[in-house]
Amino acid sequence: MIPVSYGAPPCNKKGRANIMSIAKVTEISASSPTGFEDAISKGVQRASKTIHGMRSAWVNEQSVVIDNERVTEWRVNLKVTFVIDD
């Protein structure tokens, strides 16, 4: 008979337990009067008020608003990945 261990779950190379997480992806849009980087930061910052456990964001689309031949607004569509709470 092979002995069975019911101790702690096995760990990965970083010493963390190998426990499966479930993640979800949601899309958000954000804009800024100063640039794409600011739009991304504002979008992630605002999303963090209601979405917890965010792990990454992917810039899905970028666009600008032009008024009188000048860029007046930078817009981004982000796909935000977050871990679902247990």
C-alpha atoms as a PDB file:
ATOM      1  CA  MET A   1       0.000   0.000   0.000  1.00  0.00           C
ATOM      2  CA  ILE A   2       1.260   3.519  -0.885  1.00  0.00           C
ATOM      3  CA  PRO A   3       1.131   6.051   1.949  1.00  0.00           C
ATOM      4  CA  VAL A   4      -1.073   9.079   1.282  1.00  0.00           C
ATOM      5  CA  SER A   5      -0.254  12.532   2.642  1.00  0.00           C
ATOM      6  CA  TYR A   6      -3.073  14.916   3.489  1.00  0.00           C
ATOM      7  CA  GLY A   7      -0.779  17.813   4.447  1.00  0.00           C
ATOM      8  CA  ALA A   8      -0.383  21.168   2.706  1.00  0.00           C
ATOM      9  CA  PRO A   9      -0.819  21.311  -1.076  1.00  0.00           C
ATOM     10  CA  PRO A  10       2.342  21.014  -3.199  1.00  0.00           C
ATOM     11  CA  CYS A  11       4.195  24.270  -3.851  1.00  0.00           C
ATOM     12  CA  ASN A  12       5.518  25.769  -7.051  1.00  0.00           C
ATOM     13  CA  LYS A  13       9.082  27.061  -7.584  1.00  0.00           C
ATOM     14  CA  LYS A  14       8.255  30.340  -5.804  1.00  0.00           C
ATOM     15  CA  GLY A  15       7.058  28.533  -2.688  1.00  0.00           C
ATOM     16  CA  ARG A  16       3.388  29.291  -3.285  1.00  0.00           C
ATOM     17  CA  ALA A  17       0.706  26.646  -2.975  1.00  0.00           C
ATOM     18  CA  ASN A  18      -0.563  25.279  -6.286  1.00  0.00           C
ATOM     19  CA  ILE A  19      -4.187  26.320  -5.849  1.00  0.00           C
ATOM     20  CA  MET A  20      -6.241  26.970  -8.971  1.00  0.00           C
ATOM     21  CA  SER A  21      -7.731  30.435  -9.360  1.00  0.00           C
ATOM     22  CA  ILE A  22     -10.600  31.448 -11.583  1.00  0.00           C
ATOM     23  CA  ALA A  23     -10.256  34.747 -13.436  1.00  0.00           C
ATOM     24  CA  LYS A  24     -12.705  36.893 -15.342  1.00  0.00           C
ATOM     25  CA  VAL A  25     -12.142  39.497 -18.066  1.00  0.00           C
ATOM     26  CA  THR A  26     -14.234  42.645 -18.375  1.00  0.00           C
ATOM     27  CA  GLU A  27     -13.985  45.581 -20.775  1.00  0.00           C
ATOM     28  CA  ILE A  28     -13.788  49.185 -19.675  1.00  0.00           C
ATOM     29  CA  SER A  29     -13.364  52.478 -21.528  1.00  0.00           C
ATOM     30  CA  ALA A  30     -11.473  55.505 -20.246  1.00  0.00           C
ATOM     31  CA  SER A  31     -10.397  58.885 -21.579  1.00  0.00           C
ATOM     32  CA  SER A  32      -7.965  61.672 -20.763  1.00  0.00           C
ATOM     33  CA  PRO A  33      -7.287  65.203 -21.984  1.00  0.00           C
ATOM     34  CA  THR A  34      -3.508  64.593 -21.725  1.00  0.00           C
ATOM     35  CA  GLY A  35      -2.644  61.216 -23.304  1.00  0.00           C
ATOM     36  CA  PHE A  36      -3.053  57.449 -23.635  1.00  0.00           C
ATOM     37  CA  GLU A  37      -0.949  56.628 -20.572  1.00  0.00           C
ATOM     38  CA  ASP A  38      -3.102  58.883 -18.398  1.00  0.00           C
ATOM     39  CA  ALA A  39      -6.283  57.343 -19.842  1.00  0.00           C
ATOM     40  CA  ILE A  40      -4.986  53.853 -18.969  1.00  0.00           C
ATOM     41  CA  SER A  41      -4.066  54.913 -15.425  1.00  0.00           C
ATOM     42  CA  LYS A  42      -7.418  56.615 -14.873  1.00  0.00           C
ATOM     43  CA  GLY A  43      -9.293  53.584 -16.202  1.00  0.00           C
ATOM     44  CA  VAL A  44      -7.459  51.125 -13.948  1.00  0.00           C
ATOM     45  CA  GLN A  45      -7.765  53.466 -10.960  1.00  0.00           C
ATOM     46  CA  ARG A  46     -11.512  53.886 -11.449  1.00  0.00           C
ATOM     47  CA  ALA A  47     -12.081  50.165 -12.053  1.00  0.00           C
ATOM     48  CA  SER A  48     -10.240  49.342  -8.805  1.00  0.00           C
ATOM     49  CA  LYS A  49     -13.079  50.991  -6.850  1.00  0.00           C
ATOM     50  CA  THR A  50     -15.457  48.155  -7.756  1.00  0.00           C
ATOM     51  CA  ILE A  51     -13.244  45.386  -9.187  1.00  0.00           C
ATOM     52  CA  HIS A  52     -10.981  43.649  -6.679  1.00  0.00           C
ATOM     53  CA  GLY A  53      -8.117  41.270  -7.428  1.00  0.00           C
ATOM     54  CA  MET A  54      -7.110  42.857 -10.743  1.00  0.00           C
ATOM     55  CA  ARG A  55      -4.093  41.118 -12.244  1.00  0.00           C
ATOM     56  CA  SER A  56      -3.602  42.688 -15.683  1.00  0.00           C
ATOM     57  CA  ALA A  57      -5.052  44.977 -18.306  1.00  0.00           C
ATOM     58  CA  TRP A  58      -4.728  44.735 -22.067  1.00  0.00           C
ATOM     59  CA  VAL A  59      -5.145  47.817 -24.246  1.00  0.00           C
ATOM     60  CA  ASN A  60      -7.631  46.549 -26.792  1.00  0.00           C
ATOM     61  CA  GLU A  61      -8.138  49.790 -28.725  1.00  0.00           C
ATOM     62  CA  GLN A  62      -6.914  53.382 -28.789  1.00  0.00           C
ATOM     63  CA  SER A  63      -8.553  56.400 -30.404  1.00  0.00           C
ATOM     64  CA  VAL A  64      -8.464  60.184 -30.251  1.00  0.00           C
ATOM     65  CA  VAL A  65     -10.992  62.996 -30.554  1.00  0.00           C
ATOM     66  CA  ILE A  66      -9.959  65.801 -32.897  1.00  0.00           C
ATOM     67  CA  ASP A  67     -11.385  69.314 -32.637  1.00  0.00           C
ATOM     68  CA  ASN A  68     -10.167  72.176 -34.850  1.00  0.00           C
ATOM     69  CA  GLU A  69      -7.326  69.992 -36.157  1.00  0.00           C
ATOM     70  CA  ARG A  70      -6.056  69.328 -32.624  1.00  0.00           C
ATOM     71  CA  VAL A  71      -6.231  66.195 -30.494  1.00  0.00           C
ATOM     72  CA  THR A  72      -8.439  67.092 -27.556  1.00  0.00           C
ATOM     73  CA  GLU A  73      -9.054  63.692 -25.975  1.00  0.00           C
ATOM     74  CA  TRP A  74      -7.281  60.314 -25.865  1.00  0.00           C
ATOM     75  CA  ARG A  75      -9.458  57.214 -25.395  1.00  0.00           C
ATOM     76  CA  VAL A  76      -8.642  53.592 -24.579  1.00  0.00           C
ATOM     77  CA  ASN A  77     -10.657  50.403 -24.355  1.00  0.00           C
ATOM     78  CA  LEU A  78      -9.125  48.016 -21.832  1.00  0.00           C
ATOM     79  CA  LYS A  79      -9.687  44.351 -21.085  1.00  0.00           C
ATOM     80  CA  VAL A  80      -9.114  43.935 -17.352  1.00  0.00           C
ATOM     81  CA  THR A  81      -8.414  40.505 -15.844  1.00  0.00           C
ATOM     82  CA  PHE A  82      -9.272  39.883 -12.208  1.00  0.00           C
ATOM     83  CA  VAL A  83      -9.441  36.873  -9.902  1.00  0.00           C
ATOM     84  CA  ILE A  84     -12.908  35.889  -8.697  1.00  0.00           C
ATOM     85  CA  ASP A  85     -13.231  35.796  -4.894  1.00  0.00           C
ATOM     86  CA  ASP A  86     -13.805  32.419  -3.232  1.00  0.00           C
END
